[in-house]
């Protein structure tokens, strides 16, 4: 954390420092960006996308976040750029300016960044990026830890751990520390963020995707695979809940194919590492891929059938170890 504090101090002396959120716009990346930006007036949380829950919470908490476009110009007086919760530049959706130092803060087990002198990578095996941000704020900017910031960090932790199903001791302790230092009631807050805001249209799309599920036995792994246009992570989670040992949901939009994969802890213990598998897929087909052992994704220009077939091939070569 001292290295991060030193980097931020140096960069903010040179100019504005955007805190760029990963393009998936989930609660972990948005909550991390806004919370870190609250620690210094020169930091500015921004990114391409914001998911439903962060959009809802940011509106309720009046949390500042600047929406960017892919061709948005960068300010001239940049002191540096901080990127949170992205394992590669492609996962930001932006083209970063050359010659500007970057700092990447991430918890993914894979990383495809090309670092240069003056850059910094803060990477750990935390279950969410918000854990890293909370540690930094606790040590170097404790006054930033208002109830609003604590709620953003806690929401990111809850969602990225699957409501603590994938939490470890450090993640649970972080959650307890976030709650104990605040003045809000945990149960009320967690019920609020877990309220189901699926529309009738969403429900229909999810049911259609589930109706297209194909089950494959791939080298002793049960794979559930389908395609849909929205809420791919939720659909994959439903397949895991239904008993799939590996679940993949494909999406094709704007000339790009996206694979979203999920696996239960029992599968990762026995040899599945979706992040590495998606990296391998990127090596074979191009595009960007990576993530965690139990949750990962890939995006590229190959068509959906080719991408699905390539993933099945990789799974077929994944050896299953005994418990």
Protein backbone atom coordinates (compact mmCIF):
# COMPACT_ATOMS: atom_id res chain seq x y z
CA UNK A 1 0.00 0.00 0.00
CA UNK A 2 2.93 2.34 0.57
CA UNK A 3 3.96 1.92 -3.07
CA UNK A 4 0.44 2.81 -4.14
CA UNK A 5 0.39 5.88 -1.89
CA UNK A 6 3.74 7.03 -3.27
CA UNK A 7 2.59 6.52 -6.88
CA UNK A 8 -0.63 8.47 -6.32
CA UNK A 9 1.26 11.29 -4.60
CA UNK A 10 3.69 11.54 -7.50
CA UNK A 11 1.01 11.34 -10.21
CA UNK A 12 -1.36 13.87 -8.63
CA UNK A 13 1.45 16.41 -8.46
CA UNK A 14 1.71 16.22 -12.26
CA UNK A 15 -1.97 16.64 -13.08
CA UNK A 16 -5.40 15.00 -13.20
CA UNK A 17 -5.49 11.24 -12.50
CA UNK A 18 -8.56 9.40 -13.88
CA UNK A 19 -9.52 6.25 -11.99
CA UNK A 20 -10.70 4.12 -14.90
CA UNK A 21 -13.14 1.31 -14.14
CA UNK A 22 -13.18 -1.94 -16.08
CA UNK A 23 -15.65 -1.92 -18.96
CA UNK A 24 -17.90 -4.57 -17.43
CA UNK A 25 -19.18 -1.84 -15.10
CA UNK A 26 -20.01 -4.22 -12.26
CA UNK A 27 -20.32 -3.24 -8.61
CA UNK A 28 -16.75 -4.22 -7.73
CA UNK A 29 -15.12 -2.09 -10.42
CA UNK A 30 -17.45 0.93 -10.06
CA UNK A 31 -17.38 0.83 -6.26
CA UNK A 32 -13.59 0.55 -6.26
CA UNK A 33 -13.12 3.46 -8.68
CA UNK A 34 -15.43 5.86 -6.87
CA UNK A 35 -14.14 4.93 -3.42
CA UNK A 36 -10.49 5.38 -4.38
CA UNK A 37 -11.28 8.69 -6.13
CA UNK A 38 -12.81 9.98 -2.90
CA UNK A 39 -9.35 9.99 -1.29
CA UNK A 40 -7.92 12.88 -3.34
CA UNK A 41 -9.50 15.85 -5.18
CA UNK A 42 -7.37 15.24 -8.30
CA UNK A 43 -8.65 11.67 -8.74
CA UNK A 44 -11.70 11.24 -11.00
CA UNK A 45 -13.74 8.02 -11.24
CA UNK A 46 -14.77 7.23 -14.82
CA UNK A 47 -15.47 4.42 -17.26
CA UNK A 48 -17.49 3.26 -20.24
CA UNK A 49 -20.29 1.35 -18.57
CA UNK A 50 -22.18 1.11 -15.32
CA UNK A 51 -24.32 -1.90 -14.46
CA UNK A 52 -27.76 -1.79 -12.91
CA UNK A 53 -26.80 -2.13 -9.27
CA UNK A 54 -23.96 0.43 -9.33
CA UNK A 55 -26.17 2.80 -11.32
CA UNK A 56 -28.87 2.43 -8.68
CA UNK A 57 -26.52 2.85 -5.72
CA UNK A 58 -24.60 5.75 -7.23
CA UNK A 59 -27.85 7.62 -7.81
CA UNK A 60 -29.02 6.97 -4.25
CA UNK A 61 -25.67 7.88 -2.68
CA UNK A 62 -24.92 10.82 -5.05
CA UNK A 63 -21.64 9.12 -5.94
CA UNK A 64 -19.72 10.92 -8.73
CA UNK A 65 -18.84 8.84 -11.79
CA UNK A 66 -18.09 10.20 -15.26
CA UNK A 67 -19.39 8.16 -18.18
CA UNK A 68 -16.95 7.99 -21.10
CA UNK A 69 -17.27 7.10 -24.75
CA UNK A 70 -14.75 4.94 -26.58
CA UNK A 71 -13.48 7.97 -28.49
CA UNK A 72 -13.59 10.37 -25.53
CA UNK A 73 -10.49 12.59 -25.56
CA UNK A 74 -8.22 12.44 -22.54
CA UNK A 75 -7.40 15.68 -20.67
CA UNK A 76 -4.08 17.23 -21.64
CA UNK A 77 -2.81 17.64 -18.08
CA UNK A 78 -2.78 13.97 -17.11
CA UNK A 79 -0.49 12.98 -14.25
CA UNK A 80 -1.27 9.29 -14.64
CA UNK A 81 -4.13 6.83 -15.02
CA UNK A 82 -5.28 4.32 -12.41
CA UNK A 83 -7.12 1.27 -13.76
CA UNK A 84 -9.18 -0.82 -11.36
CA UNK A 85 -10.51 -4.35 -11.82
CA UNK A 86 -9.24 -5.01 -15.35
CA UNK A 87 -6.79 -7.77 -16.27
CA UNK A 88 -5.86 -6.21 -19.63
CA UNK A 89 -6.18 -2.92 -21.48
CA UNK A 90 -8.88 -4.45 -23.69
CA UNK A 91 -11.05 -4.92 -20.61
CA UNK A 92 -11.24 -1.14 -20.12
CA UNK A 93 -12.74 -0.58 -23.57
CA UNK A 94 -10.50 2.46 -23.96
CA UNK A 95 -7.25 3.26 -25.76
CA UNK A 96 -4.85 4.68 -23.21
CA UNK A 97 -2.63 7.62 -24.18
CA UNK A 98 1.03 6.82 -24.75
CA UNK A 99 3.69 8.11 -22.40
CA UNK A 100 1.36 8.43 -19.39
CA UNK A 101 2.22 6.26 -16.36
CA UNK A 102 -0.44 3.78 -15.32
CA UNK A 103 -1.26 2.01 -12.10
CA UNK A 104 -3.31 -1.19 -12.28
CA UNK A 105 -5.17 -2.35 -9.16
CA UNK A 106 -6.68 -5.76 -9.68
CA UNK A 107 -7.50 -9.09 -8.06
CA UNK A 108 -7.87 -11.30 -11.13
CA UNK A 109 -5.55 -14.29 -11.21
CA UNK A 110 -4.59 -13.50 -14.82
CA UNK A 111 -2.88 -10.37 -16.16
CA UNK A 112 -2.09 -9.25 -19.71
CA UNK A 113 -0.78 -5.75 -19.07
CA UNK A 114 2.40 -4.46 -20.68
CA UNK A 115 4.11 -2.36 -18.02
CA UNK A 116 6.75 0.26 -18.64
CA UNK A 117 9.09 2.18 -16.31
CA UNK A 118 7.03 4.38 -14.02
CA UNK A 119 4.03 2.04 -14.09
CA UNK A 120 2.80 0.14 -11.04
CA UNK A 121 0.78 -3.04 -10.59
CA UNK A 122 -1.03 -3.70 -7.31
CA UNK A 123 -2.28 -7.27 -7.51
CA UNK A 124 -3.39 -9.69 -4.82
CA UNK A 125 -5.41 -12.85 -4.33
CA UNK A 126 -8.25 -10.87 -2.73
CA UNK A 127 -11.75 -11.97 -3.61
CA UNK A 128 -12.67 -8.47 -4.80
CA UNK A 129 -10.84 -5.30 -5.79
CA UNK A 130 -12.81 -3.44 -3.12
CA UNK A 131 -10.78 -5.29 -0.48
CA UNK A 132 -7.59 -3.72 -1.84
CA UNK A 133 -9.17 -0.27 -1.95
CA UNK A 134 -10.48 -0.63 1.60
CA UNK A 135 -7.03 -1.57 2.84
CA UNK A 136 -5.52 1.47 1.11
CA UNK A 137 -8.13 3.88 2.44
CA UNK A 138 -7.86 2.45 5.95
CA UNK A 139 -4.12 3.09 5.99
CA UNK A 140 -3.77 6.32 4.01
CA UNK A 141 -7.16 8.05 3.90
CA UNK A 142 -9.39 6.88 6.76
CA UNK A 143 -11.50 10.06 6.61
CA UNK A 144 -12.66 8.92 3.16
CA UNK A 145 -14.43 5.94 4.71
CA UNK A 146 -17.84 7.57 5.03
CA UNK A 147 -21.00 5.48 5.16
CA UNK A 148 -21.46 6.10 1.44
CA UNK A 149 -17.99 4.81 0.57
CA UNK A 150 -18.39 1.84 2.92
CA UNK A 151 -21.65 0.92 1.21
CA UNK A 152 -20.04 1.05 -2.25
CA UNK A 153 -17.14 -1.12 -1.10
CA UNK A 154 -19.38 -3.57 0.73
CA UNK A 155 -21.73 -3.91 -2.24
CA UNK A 156 -18.73 -4.71 -4.47
CA UNK A 157 -17.49 -7.29 -1.99
CA UNK A 158 -20.92 -8.92 -1.64
CA UNK A 159 -21.54 -9.20 -5.37
CA UNK A 160 -18.04 -10.31 -6.38
CA UNK A 161 -18.02 -13.09 -3.78
CA UNK A 162 -21.45 -14.30 -4.87
CA UNK A 163 -23.04 -13.08 -1.63
CA UNK A 164 -20.03 -14.42 0.28
CA UNK A 165 -20.35 -17.94 -1.18
CA UNK A 166 -16.82 -17.59 -2.61
CA UNK A 167 -15.42 -15.57 0.29
CA UNK A 168 -12.34 -16.54 2.28
CA UNK A 169 -11.29 -15.42 5.76
CA UNK A 170 -9.84 -12.12 4.50
CA UNK A 171 -12.98 -11.29 2.54
CA UNK A 172 -15.21 -12.04 5.53
CA UNK A 173 -13.00 -9.91 7.79
CA UNK A 174 -13.11 -7.05 5.28
CA UNK A 175 -16.90 -7.24 5.25
CA UNK A 176 -17.03 -7.19 9.04
CA UNK A 177 -14.65 -4.20 9.20
CA UNK A 178 -16.70 -2.27 6.64
CA UNK A 179 -19.86 -2.86 8.66
CA UNK A 180 -18.41 -2.24 12.11
CA UNK A 181 -16.98 1.15 11.09
CA UNK A 182 -20.26 2.39 9.62
CA UNK A 183 -23.55 3.55 11.07
CA UNK A 184 -25.88 1.67 8.71
CA UNK A 185 -27.69 -1.60 9.40
CA UNK A 186 -26.20 -4.50 7.44
CA UNK A 187 -29.27 -6.65 6.95
CA UNK A 188 -31.34 -3.74 5.66
CA UNK A 189 -28.56 -2.74 3.26
CA UNK A 190 -27.94 -6.23 1.91
CA UNK A 191 -31.67 -6.80 1.37
CA UNK A 192 -31.81 -3.51 -0.49
CA UNK A 193 -29.01 -4.33 -2.93
CA UNK A 194 -30.30 -7.85 -3.49
CA UNK A 195 -33.79 -6.75 -4.46
CA UNK A 196 -34.55 -8.35 -7.77
CA UNK A 197 -35.01 -5.68 -10.42
CA UNK A 198 -35.43 -8.04 -13.36
CA UNK A 199 -38.00 -6.75 -15.83
CA UNK A 200 -40.55 -8.86 -17.67
CA UNK A 201 -38.38 -8.51 -20.79
CA UNK A 202 -35.30 -9.68 -18.86
CA UNK A 203 -37.21 -12.65 -17.51
CA UNK A 204 -38.28 -13.66 -20.99
CA UNK A 205 -34.70 -13.40 -22.30
CA UNK A 206 -33.38 -15.51 -19.42
CA UNK A 207 -36.02 -18.19 -19.99
CA UNK A 208 -35.21 -18.29 -23.72
CA UNK A 209 -31.51 -18.72 -22.95
CA UNK A 210 -32.29 -21.51 -20.49
CA UNK A 211 -34.50 -23.23 -23.07
CA UNK A 212 -31.48 -23.37 -25.43
CA UNK A 213 -29.11 -25.00 -22.93
CA UNK A 214 -27.16 -27.97 -24.21
CA UNK A 215 -25.53 -30.38 -21.79
CA UNK A 216 -22.23 -32.01 -22.74
CA UNK A 217 -20.06 -34.56 -20.99
CA UNK A 218 -16.54 -33.33 -21.79
CA UNK A 219 -13.74 -35.54 -20.46
CA UNK A 220 -15.72 -36.29 -17.28
CA UNK A 221 -16.78 -32.64 -16.88
CA UNK A 222 -20.45 -31.74 -17.20
CA UNK A 223 -20.74 -28.59 -19.30
CA UNK A 224 -23.90 -26.55 -19.70
CA UNK A 225 -23.72 -24.13 -22.62
CA UNK A 226 -26.19 -21.69 -24.15
CA UNK A 227 -26.40 -18.25 -25.73
CA UNK A 228 -28.25 -15.10 -24.77
CA UNK A 229 -28.13 -11.34 -25.10
CA UNK A 230 -28.28 -10.04 -21.53
CA UNK A 231 -27.45 -11.03 -17.94
CA UNK A 232 -25.01 -13.72 -19.06
CA UNK A 233 -23.40 -13.99 -15.63
CA UNK A 234 -26.74 -14.56 -13.97
CA UNK A 235 -27.72 -17.20 -16.52
CA UNK A 236 -24.40 -19.00 -16.04
CA UNK A 237 -24.95 -18.84 -12.27
CA UNK A 238 -28.36 -20.46 -12.68
CA UNK A 239 -26.77 -23.29 -14.68
CA UNK A 240 -24.24 -23.85 -11.88
CA UNK A 241 -27.08 -23.90 -9.35
CA UNK A 242 -28.77 -26.52 -11.52
CA UNK A 243 -25.72 -28.76 -11.16
CA UNK A 244 -23.47 -27.92 -14.13
CA UNK A 245 -19.79 -28.32 -13.29
CA UNK A 246 -18.92 -25.71 -15.90
CA UNK A 247 -21.37 -23.22 -17.40
CA UNK A 248 -20.82 -21.03 -20.47
CA UNK A 249 -23.12 -18.39 -21.91
CA UNK A 250 -22.26 -16.88 -25.30
CA UNK A 251 -23.34 -13.52 -26.67
CA UNK A 252 -22.84 -11.89 -30.07
CA UNK A 253 -23.19 -8.12 -30.33
CA UNK A 254 -21.71 -5.37 -32.51
CA UNK A 255 -19.40 -7.76 -34.33
CA UNK A 256 -17.95 -9.26 -31.16
CA UNK A 257 -18.54 -12.60 -29.48
CA UNK A 258 -18.44 -12.79 -25.70
CA UNK A 259 -18.19 -15.97 -23.61
CA UNK A 260 -19.07 -15.75 -19.92
CA UNK A 261 -18.17 -18.77 -17.80
CA UNK A 262 -18.87 -19.87 -14.24
CA UNK A 263 -17.84 -22.91 -12.22
CA UNK A 264 -18.58 -23.97 -8.62
CA UNK A 265 -15.82 -24.33 -6.04
CA UNK A 266 -15.98 -28.12 -6.35
CA UNK A 267 -14.88 -27.85 -9.99
CA UNK A 268 -12.04 -25.39 -9.33
CA UNK A 269 -10.71 -27.65 -6.57
CA UNK A 270 -10.60 -30.52 -9.05
CA UNK A 271 -8.74 -28.67 -11.81
CA UNK A 272 -10.91 -26.07 -13.58
CA UNK A 273 -9.40 -22.58 -13.85
CA UNK A 274 -11.67 -20.57 -16.09
CA UNK A 275 -9.36 -17.54 -16.13
CA UNK A 276 -6.47 -19.53 -17.55
CA UNK A 277 -8.80 -21.31 -19.96
CA UNK A 278 -10.04 -17.98 -21.30
CA UNK A 279 -6.45 -16.78 -21.64
CA UNK A 280 -5.73 -19.90 -23.68
CA UNK A 281 -8.81 -19.18 -25.79
CA UNK A 282 -7.45 -15.68 -26.48
CA UNK A 283 -4.12 -17.18 -27.55
CA UNK A 284 -5.92 -19.43 -30.03
CA UNK A 285 -8.57 -17.05 -31.38
CA UNK A 286 -7.28 -13.60 -30.50
CA UNK A 287 -9.27 -11.14 -28.44
CA UNK A 288 -9.09 -10.68 -24.67
CA UNK A 289 -9.65 -13.37 -22.08
CA UNK A 290 -9.04 -13.99 -18.41
CA UNK A 291 -10.52 -13.82 -14.95
CA UNK A 292 -10.74 -15.97 -11.85
CA UNK A 293 -10.72 -19.73 -11.42
CA UNK A 294 -14.50 -19.86 -11.01
CA UNK A 295 -15.58 -16.81 -13.05
CA UNK A 296 -14.06 -15.57 -16.30
CA UNK A 297 -14.78 -14.29 -19.76
CA UNK A 298 -13.47 -13.88 -23.29
CA UNK A 299 -14.29 -11.35 -26.00
CA UNK A 300 -13.15 -11.57 -29.62
CA UNK A 301 -14.12 -11.43 -33.29
CA UNK A 302 -14.52 -15.18 -33.88
CA UNK A 303 -18.07 -16.35 -34.47
CA UNK A 304 -19.99 -17.93 -31.61
CA UNK A 305 -19.79 -21.51 -32.88
CA UNK A 306 -16.00 -21.34 -33.30
CA UNK A 307 -15.56 -19.81 -29.85
CA UNK A 308 -17.78 -22.41 -28.17
CA UNK A 309 -16.00 -25.25 -29.96
CA UNK A 310 -12.59 -23.92 -28.97
CA UNK A 311 -13.65 -23.66 -25.32
CA UNK A 312 -15.02 -27.21 -25.34
CA UNK A 313 -11.66 -28.34 -26.75
CA UNK A 314 -9.80 -26.62 -23.93
CA UNK A 315 -12.13 -28.17 -21.34
CA UNK A 316 -11.61 -31.59 -22.92
CA UNK A 317 -7.88 -31.20 -22.24
CA UNK A 318 -8.41 -30.15 -18.63
CA UNK A 319 -7.45 -33.05 -16.41
CA UNK A 320 -9.71 -33.79 -13.50
CA UNK A 321 -7.86 -34.38 -10.25
CA UNK A 322 -9.26 -36.27 -7.30
CA UNK A 323 -10.25 -34.42 -4.14
